[in-house]
């Protein structure tokens, strides 16, 4: 099963421990997580279902290309990491 982890910054707001799920795409993996943690959806996706502007998703260390449909493939052994981009000085 693919494994998805979230940054500690998200964990400060919601419980989002690493999870494993069967999925063929990033969207399917995230939807499996949101089914158990619906409040997390609003931190990751906008009202159109696309990634929020300051959220990045990586599959095995490479940033996904499809931020709108989240159609990038996910394999059984893949590691997916969801993070919020932070800025400041």
PDB file of N, CA and C in Angstrom:
ATOM      1  N   UNK A   1       0.840  -1.188   0.000  1.00  0.00           N
ATOM      2  CA  UNK A   1       0.000   0.000   0.000  1.00  0.00           C
ATOM      3  C   UNK A   1       0.880   1.245   0.000  1.00  0.00           C
ATOM      4  N   UNK A   2       0.424   2.271  -0.671  1.00  0.00           N
ATOM      5  CA  UNK A   2       1.137   3.549  -0.680  1.00  0.00           C
ATOM      6  C   UNK A   2       1.025   4.186   0.705  1.00  0.00           C
ATOM      7  N   UNK A   3       2.056   4.915   1.077  1.00  0.00           N
ATOM      8  CA  UNK A   3       2.080   5.574   2.387  1.00  0.00           C
ATOM      9  C   UNK A   3       2.099   7.081   2.188  1.00  0.00           C
ATOM     10  N   UNK A   4       1.253   7.793   2.934  1.00  0.00           N
ATOM     11  CA  UNK A   4       1.209   9.249   2.862  1.00  0.00           C
ATOM     12  C   UNK A   4       1.526   9.816   4.247  1.00  0.00           C
ATOM     13  N   UNK A   5       2.388  10.827   4.258  1.00  0.00           N
ATOM     14  CA  UNK A   5       2.768  11.514   5.494  1.00  0.00           C
ATOM     15  C   UNK A   5       2.527  13.002   5.318  1.00  0.00           C
ATOM     16  N   UNK A   6       2.268  13.665   6.425  1.00  0.00           N
ATOM     17  CA  UNK A   6       2.000  15.100   6.431  1.00  0.00           C
ATOM     18  C   UNK A   6       3.029  15.804   7.304  1.00  0.00           C
ATOM     19  N   UNK A   7       3.337  17.048   6.969  1.00  0.00           N
ATOM     20  CA  UNK A   7       4.316  17.803   7.751  1.00  0.00           C
ATOM     21  C   UNK A   7       3.813  18.051   9.169  1.00  0.00           C
ATOM     22  N   UNK A   8       4.758  18.332  10.041  1.00  0.00           N
ATOM     23  CA  UNK A   8       4.396  18.644  11.420  1.00  0.00           C
ATOM     24  C   UNK A   8       3.554  19.907  11.501  1.00  0.00           C
ATOM     25  N   UNK A   9       3.730  20.821  10.553  1.00  0.00           N
ATOM     26  CA  UNK A   9       2.933  22.040  10.557  1.00  0.00           C
ATOM     27  C   UNK A   9       1.444  21.712  10.459  1.00  0.00           C
ATOM     28  N   UNK A  10       1.068  20.776   9.605  1.00  0.00           N
ATOM     29  CA  UNK A  10      -0.335  20.357   9.517  1.00  0.00           C
ATOM     30  C   UNK A  10      -0.757  19.626  10.784  1.00  0.00           C
ATOM     31  N   UNK A  11       0.157  18.861  11.349  1.00  0.00           N
ATOM     32  CA  UNK A  11      -0.160  18.092  12.555  1.00  0.00           C
ATOM     33  C   UNK A  11      -0.460  18.988  13.751  1.00  0.00           C
ATOM     34  N   UNK A  12       0.015  20.227  13.714  1.00  0.00           N
ATOM     35  CA  UNK A  12      -0.299  21.155  14.810  1.00  0.00           C
ATOM     36  C   UNK A  12      -1.776  21.513  14.816  1.00  0.00           C
ATOM     37  N   UNK A  13      -2.424  21.445  13.658  1.00  0.00           N
ATOM     38  CA  UNK A  13      -3.829  21.832  13.537  1.00  0.00           C
ATOM     39  C   UNK A  13      -4.776  20.640  13.591  1.00  0.00           C
ATOM     40  N   UNK A  14      -4.347  19.522  13.056  1.00  0.00           N
ATOM     41  CA  UNK A  14      -5.189  18.332  12.972  1.00  0.00           C
ATOM     42  C   UNK A  14      -4.364  17.085  13.197  1.00  0.00           C
ATOM     43  N   UNK A  15      -5.018  16.057  13.688  1.00  0.00           N
ATOM     44  CA  UNK A  15      -4.338  14.769  13.796  1.00  0.00           C
ATOM     45  C   UNK A  15      -4.209  14.194  12.392  1.00  0.00           C
ATOM     46  N   UNK A  16      -2.992  14.028  11.928  1.00  0.00           N
ATOM     47  CA  UNK A  16      -2.786  13.477  10.581  1.00  0.00           C
ATOM     48  C   UNK A  16      -1.528  12.617  10.575  1.00  0.00           C
ATOM     49  N   UNK A  17      -1.625  11.521  11.269  1.00  0.00           N
ATOM     50  CA  UNK A  17      -0.521  10.570  11.329  1.00  0.00           C
ATOM     51  C   UNK A  17      -0.314   9.946   9.956  1.00  0.00           C
ATOM     52  N   UNK A  18       0.867   9.434   9.683  1.00  0.00           N
ATOM     53  CA  UNK A  18       1.087   8.742   8.417  1.00  0.00           C
ATOM     54  C   UNK A  18       0.067   7.627   8.228  1.00  0.00           C
ATOM     55  N   UNK A  19      -0.363   7.451   6.989  1.00  0.00           N
ATOM     56  CA  UNK A  19      -1.400   6.456   6.669  1.00  0.00           C
ATOM     57  C   UNK A  19      -0.992   5.647   5.464  1.00  0.00           C
ATOM     58  N   UNK A  20      -1.530   4.478   5.338  1.00  0.00           N
ATOM     59  CA  UNK A  20      -1.337   3.644   4.161  1.00  0.00           C
ATOM     60  C   UNK A  20      -2.694   3.339   3.559  1.00  0.00           C
ATOM     61  N   UNK A  21      -2.742   3.290   2.224  1.00  0.00           N
ATOM     62  CA  UNK A  21      -3.991   2.982   1.531  1.00  0.00           C
ATOM     63  C   UNK A  21      -3.681   2.465   0.140  1.00  0.00           C
ATOM     64  N   UNK A  22      -4.590   1.674  -0.390  1.00  0.00           N
ATOM     65  CA  UNK A  22      -4.508   1.235  -1.778  1.00  0.00           C
ATOM     66  C   UNK A  22      -4.959   2.400  -2.647  1.00  0.00           C
ATOM     67  N   UNK A  23      -4.144   2.763  -3.621  1.00  0.00           N
ATOM     68  CA  UNK A  23      -4.486   3.887  -4.491  1.00  0.00           C
ATOM     69  C   UNK A  23      -3.670   3.800  -5.773  1.00  0.00           C
ATOM     70  N   UNK A  24      -4.255   4.307  -6.857  1.00  0.00           N
ATOM     71  CA  UNK A  24      -3.560   4.358  -8.126  1.00  0.00           C
ATOM     72  C   UNK A  24      -3.106   5.759  -8.485  1.00  0.00           C
ATOM     73  N   UNK A  25      -3.705   6.765  -7.816  1.00  0.00           N
ATOM     74  CA  UNK A  25      -3.357   8.160  -8.067  1.00  0.00           C
ATOM     75  C   UNK A  25      -3.248   8.902  -6.741  1.00  0.00           C
ATOM     76  N   UNK A  26      -2.651  10.083  -6.809  1.00  0.00           N
ATOM     77  CA  UNK A  26      -2.562  10.930  -5.621  1.00  0.00           C
ATOM     78  C   UNK A  26      -3.968  11.249  -5.114  1.00  0.00           C
ATOM     79  N   UNK A  27      -4.904  11.550  -6.012  1.00  0.00           N
ATOM     80  CA  UNK A  27      -6.271  11.868  -5.597  1.00  0.00           C
ATOM     81  C   UNK A  27      -6.878  10.702  -4.818  1.00  0.00           C
ATOM     82  N   UNK A  28      -6.748   9.492  -5.332  1.00  0.00           N
ATOM     83  CA  UNK A  28      -7.325   8.327  -4.648  1.00  0.00           C
ATOM     84  C   UNK A  28      -6.713   8.141  -3.258  1.00  0.00           C
ATOM     85  N   UNK A  29      -5.421   8.362  -3.147  1.00  0.00           N
ATOM     86  CA  UNK A  29      -4.760   8.222  -1.855  1.00  0.00           C
ATOM     87  C   UNK A  29      -5.256   9.274  -0.876  1.00  0.00           C
ATOM     88  N   UNK A  30      -5.324  10.521  -1.319  1.00  0.00           N
ATOM     89  CA  UNK A  30      -5.807  11.589  -0.433  1.00  0.00           C
ATOM     90  C   UNK A  30      -7.269  11.383  -0.057  1.00  0.00           C
ATOM     91  N   UNK A  31      -8.085  10.939  -0.995  1.00  0.00           N
ATOM     92  CA  UNK A  31      -9.500  10.702  -0.686  1.00  0.00           C
ATOM     93  C   UNK A  31      -9.653   9.621   0.384  1.00  0.00           C
ATOM     94  N   UNK A  32      -8.790   8.607   0.357  1.00  0.00           N
ATOM     95  CA  UNK A  32      -8.825   7.568   1.391  1.00  0.00           C
ATOM     96  C   UNK A  32      -8.513   8.167   2.759  1.00  0.00           C
ATOM     97  N   UNK A  33      -7.554   9.085   2.809  1.00  0.00           N
ATOM     98  CA  UNK A  33      -7.207   9.752   4.064  1.00  0.00           C
ATOM     99  C   UNK A  33      -8.352  10.666   4.506  1.00  0.00           C
ATOM    100  N   UNK A  34      -8.921  11.428   3.573  1.00  0.00           N
ATOM    101  CA  UNK A  34      -9.999  12.354   3.921  1.00  0.00           C
ATOM    102  C   UNK A  34     -11.248  11.623   4.406  1.00  0.00           C
ATOM    103  N   UNK A  35     -11.446  10.396   3.967  1.00  0.00           N
ATOM    104  CA  UNK A  35     -12.610   9.621   4.420  1.00  0.00           C
ATOM    105  C   UNK A  35     -12.553   9.422   5.934  1.00  0.00           C
ATOM    106  N   UNK A  36     -11.346   9.275   6.475  1.00  0.00           N
ATOM    107  CA  UNK A  36     -11.181   9.106   7.922  1.00  0.00           C
ATOM    108  C   UNK A  36     -10.950  10.422   8.646  1.00  0.00           C
ATOM    109  N   UNK A  37     -10.485  11.440   7.931  1.00  0.00           N
ATOM    110  CA  UNK A  37     -10.176  12.749   8.528  1.00  0.00           C
ATOM    111  C   UNK A  37     -10.723  13.857   7.634  1.00  0.00           C
ATOM    112  N   UNK A  38     -12.049  14.043   7.605  1.00  0.00           N
ATOM    113  CA  UNK A  38     -12.647  15.015   6.681  1.00  0.00           C
ATOM    114  C   UNK A  38     -12.154  16.444   6.853  1.00  0.00           C
ATOM    115  N   UNK A  39     -11.822  16.862   8.052  1.00  0.00           N
ATOM    116  CA  UNK A  39     -11.373  18.242   8.284  1.00  0.00           C
ATOM    117  C   UNK A  39     -10.037  18.519   7.599  1.00  0.00           C
ATOM    118  N   UNK A  40      -9.248  17.492   7.365  1.00  0.00           N
ATOM    119  CA  UNK A  40      -7.949  17.656   6.724  1.00  0.00           C
ATOM    120  C   UNK A  40      -8.090  18.128   5.280  1.00  0.00           C
ATOM    121  N   UNK A  41      -9.192  17.775   4.640  1.00  0.00           N
ATOM    122  CA  UNK A  41      -9.428  18.159   3.245  1.00  0.00           C
ATOM    123  C   UNK A  41      -9.294  19.675   3.047  1.00  0.00           C
ATOM    124  N   UNK A  42      -9.873  20.459   3.921  1.00  0.00           N
ATOM    125  CA  UNK A  42      -9.841  21.908   3.794  1.00  0.00           C
ATOM    126  C   UNK A  42      -8.451  22.518   3.944  1.00  0.00           C
ATOM    127  N   UNK A  43      -7.552  21.822   4.610  1.00  0.00           N
ATOM    128  CA  UNK A  43      -6.182  22.307   4.743  1.00  0.00           C
ATOM    129  C   UNK A  43      -5.352  21.988   3.508  1.00  0.00           C
ATOM    130  N   UNK A  44      -5.741  20.945   2.773  1.00  0.00           N
ATOM    131  CA  UNK A  44      -4.957  20.469   1.638  1.00  0.00           C
ATOM    132  C   UNK A  44      -5.544  20.924   0.301  1.00  0.00           C
ATOM    133  N   UNK A  45      -6.868  20.853   0.158  1.00  0.00           N
ATOM    134  CA  UNK A  45      -7.524  21.166  -1.109  1.00  0.00           C
ATOM    135  C   UNK A  45      -8.363  22.427  -1.017  1.00  0.00           C
ATOM    136  N   UNK A  46      -8.500  23.125  -2.140  1.00  0.00           N
ATOM    137  CA  UNK A  46      -9.368  24.296  -2.184  1.00  0.00           C
ATOM    138  C   UNK A  46     -10.805  23.858  -2.481  1.00  0.00           C
ATOM    139  N   UNK A  47     -11.710  24.813  -2.640  1.00  0.00           N
ATOM    140  CA  UNK A  47     -13.119  24.478  -2.853  1.00  0.00           C
ATOM    141  C   UNK A  47     -13.394  23.845  -4.216  1.00  0.00           C
ATOM    142  N   UNK A  48     -12.424  23.860  -5.111  1.00  0.00           N
ATOM    143  CA  UNK A  48     -12.551  23.216  -6.424  1.00  0.00           C
ATOM    144  C   UNK A  48     -11.918  21.825  -6.431  1.00  0.00           C
ATOM    145  N   UNK A  49     -11.335  21.413  -5.318  1.00  0.00           N
ATOM    146  CA  UNK A  49     -10.714  20.101  -5.216  1.00  0.00           C
ATOM    147  C   UNK A  49      -9.274  20.050  -5.685  1.00  0.00           C
ATOM    148  N   UNK A  50      -8.693  21.211  -5.999  1.00  0.00           N
ATOM    149  CA  UNK A  50      -7.288  21.282  -6.397  1.00  0.00           C
ATOM    150  C   UNK A  50      -6.431  21.548  -5.155  1.00  0.00           C
ATOM    151  N   UNK A  51      -5.129  21.301  -5.273  1.00  0.00           N
ATOM    152  CA  UNK A  51      -4.242  21.612  -4.158  1.00  0.00           C
ATOM    153  C   UNK A  51      -4.292  23.096  -3.854  1.00  0.00           C
ATOM    154  N   UNK A  52      -4.293  23.428  -2.596  1.00  0.00           N
ATOM    155  CA  UNK A  52      -4.205  24.831  -2.206  1.00  0.00           C
ATOM    156  C   UNK A  52      -2.877  25.399  -2.700  1.00  0.00           C
ATOM    157  N   UNK A  53      -2.857  26.697  -2.883  1.00  0.00           N
ATOM    158  CA  UNK A  53      -1.706  27.385  -3.459  1.00  0.00           C
ATOM    159  C   UNK A  53      -0.402  27.081  -2.717  1.00  0.00           C
ATOM    160  N   UNK A  54      -0.461  27.008  -1.413  1.00  0.00           N
ATOM    161  CA  UNK A  54       0.755  26.838  -0.619  1.00  0.00           C
ATOM    162  C   UNK A  54       0.926  25.417  -0.085  1.00  0.00           C
ATOM    163  N   UNK A  55       0.384  24.448  -0.821  1.00  0.00           N
ATOM    164  CA  UNK A  55       0.559  23.042  -0.461  1.00  0.00           C
ATOM    165  C   UNK A  55       1.325  22.367  -1.590  1.00  0.00           C
ATOM    166  N   UNK A  56       2.263  21.531  -1.229  1.00  0.00           N
ATOM    167  CA  UNK A  56       3.031  20.767  -2.211  1.00  0.00           C
ATOM    168  C   UNK A  56       2.928  19.286  -1.865  1.00  0.00           C
ATOM    169  N   UNK A  57       2.863  18.455  -2.903  1.00  0.00           N
ATOM    170  CA  UNK A  57       2.812  17.008  -2.720  1.00  0.00           C
ATOM    171  C   UNK A  57       3.958  16.390  -3.509  1.00  0.00           C
ATOM    172  N   UNK A  58       4.663  15.481  -2.867  1.00  0.00           N
ATOM    173  CA  UNK A  58       5.786  14.790  -3.477  1.00  0.00           C
ATOM    174  C   UNK A  58       5.533  13.289  -3.457  1.00  0.00           C
ATOM    175  N   UNK A  59       5.847  12.622  -4.562  1.00  0.00           N
ATOM    176  CA  UNK A  59       5.791  11.167  -4.638  1.00  0.00           C
ATOM    177  C   UNK A  59       7.230  10.693  -4.821  1.00  0.00           C
ATOM    178  N   UNK A  60       7.719   9.947  -3.849  1.00  0.00           N
ATOM    179  CA  UNK A  60       9.103   9.457  -3.874  1.00  0.00           C
ATOM    180  C   UNK A  60      10.099  10.585  -4.135  1.00  0.00           C
ATOM    181  N   UNK A  61       9.856  11.741  -3.527  1.00  0.00           N
ATOM    182  CA  UNK A  61      10.788  12.856  -3.612  1.00  0.00           C
ATOM    183  C   UNK A  61      10.622  13.771  -4.803  1.00  0.00           C
ATOM    184  N   UNK A  62       9.699  13.450  -5.723  1.00  0.00           N
ATOM    185  CA  UNK A  62       9.463  14.307  -6.896  1.00  0.00           C
ATOM    186  C   UNK A  62       8.106  14.989  -6.763  1.00  0.00           C
ATOM    187  N   UNK A  63       8.098  16.293  -6.979  1.00  0.00           N
ATOM    188  CA  UNK A  63       6.854  17.043  -6.852  1.00  0.00           C
ATOM    189  C   UNK A  63       5.880  16.624  -7.954  1.00  0.00           C
ATOM    190  N   UNK A  64       4.595  16.479  -7.584  1.00  0.00           N
ATOM    191  CA  UNK A  64       3.603  16.084  -8.581  1.00  0.00           C
ATOM    192  C   UNK A  64       3.423  17.198  -9.606  1.00  0.00           C
ATOM    193  N   UNK A  65       2.977  16.821 -10.787  1.00  0.00           N
ATOM    194  CA  UNK A  65       2.789  17.782 -11.877  1.00  0.00           C
ATOM    195  C   UNK A  65       1.341  18.275 -11.969  1.00  0.00           C
ATOM    196  N   UNK A  66       0.380  17.411 -11.642  1.00  0.00           N
ATOM    197  CA  UNK A  66      -1.037  17.738 -11.799  1.00  0.00           C
ATOM    198  C   UNK A  66      -1.623  18.216 -10.470  1.00  0.00           C
ATOM    199  N   UNK A  67      -1.601  19.518 -10.266  1.00  0.00           N
ATOM    200  CA  UNK A  67      -2.108  20.106  -9.016  1.00  0.00           C
ATOM    201  C   UNK A  67      -3.630  20.228  -9.001  1.00  0.00           C
ATOM    202  N   UNK A  68      -4.271  20.155 -10.156  1.00  0.00           N
ATOM    203  CA  UNK A  68      -5.726  20.305 -10.227  1.00  0.00           C
ATOM    204  C   UNK A  68      -6.463  18.975 -10.060  1.00  0.00           C
ATOM    205  N   UNK A  69      -6.134  18.002 -10.879  1.00  0.00           N
ATOM    206  CA  UNK A  69      -6.835  16.711 -10.853  1.00  0.00           C
ATOM    207  C   UNK A  69      -6.150  15.686  -9.945  1.00  0.00           C
ATOM    208  N   UNK A  70      -4.876  15.944  -9.602  1.00  0.00           N
ATOM    209  CA  UNK A  70      -4.099  15.044  -8.751  1.00  0.00           C
ATOM    210  C   UNK A  70      -4.017  13.644  -9.349  1.00  0.00           C
ATOM    211  N   UNK A  71      -3.799  13.611 -10.670  1.00  0.00           N
ATOM    212  CA  UNK A  71      -3.817  12.352 -11.408  1.00  0.00           C
ATOM    213  C   UNK A  71      -2.459  11.654 -11.469  1.00  0.00           C
ATOM    214  N   UNK A  72      -1.436  12.218 -10.859  1.00  0.00           N
ATOM    215  CA  UNK A  72      -0.123  11.574 -10.846  1.00  0.00           C
ATOM    216  C   UNK A  72      -0.267  10.181 -10.234  1.00  0.00           C
ATOM    217  N   UNK A  73       0.419   9.218 -10.830  1.00  0.00           N
ATOM    218  CA  UNK A  73       0.312   7.840 -10.381  1.00  0.00           C
ATOM    219  C   UNK A  73       0.984   7.581  -9.041  1.00  0.00           C
ATOM    220  N   UNK A  74       0.435   6.598  -8.343  1.00  0.00           N
ATOM    221  CA  UNK A  74       0.971   6.156  -7.056  1.00  0.00           C
ATOM    222  C   UNK A  74       1.030   4.630  -7.091  1.00  0.00           C
ATOM    223  N   UNK A  75       2.202   4.088  -6.802  1.00  0.00           N
ATOM    224  CA  UNK A  75       2.363   2.638  -6.754  1.00  0.00           C
ATOM    225  C   UNK A  75       2.254   2.103  -5.343  1.00  0.00           C
ATOM    226  N   UNK A  76       2.194   0.803  -5.242  1.00  0.00           N
ATOM    227  CA  UNK A  76       2.006   0.141  -3.942  1.00  0.00           C
ATOM    228  C   UNK A  76       3.105   0.455  -2.935  1.00  0.00           C
ATOM    229  N   UNK A  77       4.309   0.666  -3.387  1.00  0.00           N
ATOM    230  CA  UNK A  77       5.441   0.899  -2.491  1.00  0.00           C
ATOM    231  C   UNK A  77       5.832   2.373  -2.402  1.00  0.00           C
ATOM    232  N   UNK A  78       5.038   3.259  -2.972  1.00  0.00           N
ATOM    233  CA  UNK A  78       5.402   4.673  -3.035  1.00  0.00           C
ATOM    234  C   UNK A  78       5.204   5.388  -1.703  1.00  0.00           C
ATOM    235  N   UNK A  79       6.039   6.399  -1.504  1.00  0.00           N
ATOM    236  CA  UNK A  79       5.954   7.291  -0.345  1.00  0.00           C
ATOM    237  C   UNK A  79       5.471   8.648  -0.836  1.00  0.00           C
ATOM    238  N   UNK A  80       4.389   9.137  -0.267  1.00  0.00           N
ATOM    239  CA  UNK A  80       3.814  10.428  -0.645  1.00  0.00           C
ATOM    240  C   UNK A  80       3.939  11.347   0.560  1.00  0.00           C
ATOM    241  N   UNK A  81       4.395  12.575   0.310  1.00  0.00           N
ATOM    242  CA  UNK A  81       4.586  13.539   1.380  1.00  0.00           C
ATOM    243  C   UNK A  81       3.820  14.806   1.045  1.00  0.00           C
ATOM    244  N   UNK A  82       2.995  15.270   1.974  1.00  0.00           N
ATOM    245  CA  UNK A  82       2.189  16.475   1.796  1.00  0.00           C
ATOM    246  C   UNK A  82       2.744  17.532   2.737  1.00  0.00           C
ATOM    247  N   UNK A  83       3.079  18.699   2.164  1.00  0.00           N
ATOM    248  CA  UNK A  83       3.634  19.759   3.002  1.00  0.00           C
ATOM    249  C   UNK A  83       3.054  21.117   2.637  1.00  0.00           C
ATOM    250  N   UNK A  84       3.073  22.013   3.580  1.00  0.00           N
ATOM    251  CA  UNK A  84       2.683  23.392   3.338  1.00  0.00           C
ATOM    252  C   UNK A  84       3.955  24.194   3.138  1.00  0.00           C
ATOM    253  N   UNK A  85       3.958  24.986   2.074  1.00  0.00           N
ATOM    254  CA  UNK A  85       5.086  25.881   1.843  1.00  0.00           C
ATOM    255  C   UNK A  85       5.004  27.020   2.856  1.00  0.00           C
ATOM    256  N   UNK A  86       6.109  27.317   3.480  1.00  0.00           N
ATOM    257  CA  UNK A  86       6.145  28.380   4.482  1.00  0.00           C
ATOM    258  C   UNK A  86       7.033  29.506   3.957  1.00  0.00           C
ATOM    259  N   UNK A  87       6.664  30.713   4.313  1.00  0.00           N
ATOM    260  CA  UNK A  87       7.489  31.852   3.910  1.00  0.00           C
ATOM    261  C   UNK A  87       7.689  32.750   5.120  1.00  0.00           C
ATOM    262  N   UNK A  88       8.586  33.662   4.985  1.00  0.00           N
ATOM    263  CA  UNK A  88       8.840  34.563   6.092  1.00  0.00           C
ATOM    264  C   UNK A  88      10.278  35.029   6.065  1.00  0.00           C
ATOM    265  N   UNK A  89      10.625  35.789   7.050  1.00  0.00           N
ATOM    266  CA  UNK A  89      11.989  36.296   7.044  1.00  0.00           C
ATOM    267  C   UNK A  89      12.612  36.266   8.381  1.00  0.00           C
TER     268      UNK A  89
END
